[in-house]
Amino acid sequence: MTISGNHQTLMDAKGVYYGLVEAQNLHMKSDNQKELEDDDMSSMRKHKAVDSTVSKLNERHYKLVQSLMS
């Protein structure tokens, strides 16, 4: 079976070509969503690491101030 025509004509016909293009689009959207989710998780890990570092610095600062005041 041979299908001929330009992209728009084949898409308008909503046949096999249309189905293949739509399947590819869904796959690409799925991949993009996974990348966004991975980026979100990476960002959350970075924020937790920064929060932990800030917390440790605040604790050290408090201890230093307390020792200077004693």
Protein backbone atom coordinates (compact mmCIF):
# COMPACT_ATOMS: atom_id res chain seq x y z
CA MET A 1 0.00 0.00 0.00
CA THR A 2 1.35 3.38 -1.00
CA ILE A 3 0.08 6.65 0.40
CA SER A 4 0.80 9.86 -1.45
CA GLY A 5 0.07 13.51 -0.88
CA ASN A 6 1.44 16.36 1.11
CA HIS A 7 1.38 16.46 4.89
CA GLN A 8 -1.79 18.55 5.17
CA THR A 9 -3.74 16.45 2.68
CA LEU A 10 -2.79 13.25 4.46
CA MET A 11 -3.62 14.72 7.87
CA ASP A 12 -7.01 15.94 6.63
CA ALA A 13 -7.81 12.43 5.37
CA LYS A 14 -7.33 11.11 8.95
CA GLY A 15 -6.05 7.78 7.69
CA VAL A 16 -2.97 5.70 8.46
CA TYR A 17 -0.58 8.64 8.05
CA TYR A 18 -2.66 10.70 10.48
CA GLY A 19 -2.56 7.88 13.04
CA LEU A 20 1.21 7.57 12.77
CA VAL A 21 1.73 11.31 13.20
CA GLU A 22 -0.61 11.42 16.20
CA ALA A 23 1.13 8.43 17.81
CA GLN A 24 4.49 10.14 17.35
CA ASN A 25 3.11 13.36 18.88
CA LEU A 26 1.79 11.46 21.91
CA HIS A 27 5.15 9.75 22.36
CA MET A 28 6.98 13.09 22.18
CA LYS A 29 4.59 14.66 24.72
CA SER A 30 5.17 11.71 27.04
CA ASP A 31 8.96 12.11 26.75
CA ASN A 32 8.69 15.86 27.40
CA GLN A 33 6.52 15.25 30.47
CA LYS A 34 9.08 12.79 31.85
CA GLU A 35 11.85 15.36 31.32
CA LEU A 36 9.82 18.01 33.16
CA GLU A 37 9.16 15.64 36.05
CA ASP A 38 12.87 14.75 36.23
CA ASP A 39 13.74 18.48 36.23
CA ASP A 40 11.23 19.08 39.05
CA MET A 41 12.75 16.30 41.15
CA SER A 42 16.26 17.59 40.52
CA SER A 43 15.19 21.08 41.50
CA MET A 44 13.57 19.78 44.69
CA ARG A 45 16.76 17.93 45.65
CA LYS A 46 18.80 21.10 45.08
CA HIS A 47 16.41 23.15 47.24
CA LYS A 48 16.59 20.56 50.03
CA ALA A 49 20.39 20.63 49.90
CA VAL A 50 20.41 24.44 50.07
CA ASP A 51 17.92 24.43 52.95
CA SER A 52 20.07 21.92 54.82
CA THR A 53 23.21 24.02 54.28
CA VAL A 54 21.48 27.21 55.40
CA SER A 55 20.17 25.43 58.48
CA LYS A 56 23.66 24.21 59.38
CA LEU A 57 25.11 27.69 58.87
CA ASN A 58 22.41 29.22 61.05
CA GLU A 59 23.15 26.67 63.76
CA ARG A 60 26.90 27.39 63.60
CA HIS A 61 26.23 31.12 63.68
CA TYR A 62 24.01 30.74 66.74
CA LYS A 63 26.65 28.64 68.53
CA LEU A 64 29.36 31.17 67.68
CA VAL A 65 27.25 34.06 68.97
CA GLN A 66 26.46 32.11 72.15
CA SER A 67 30.14 31.33 72.75
CA LEU A 68 31.10 34.98 72.21
CA MET A 69 28.45 36.12 74.65
CA SER A 70 29.59 33.69 77.40
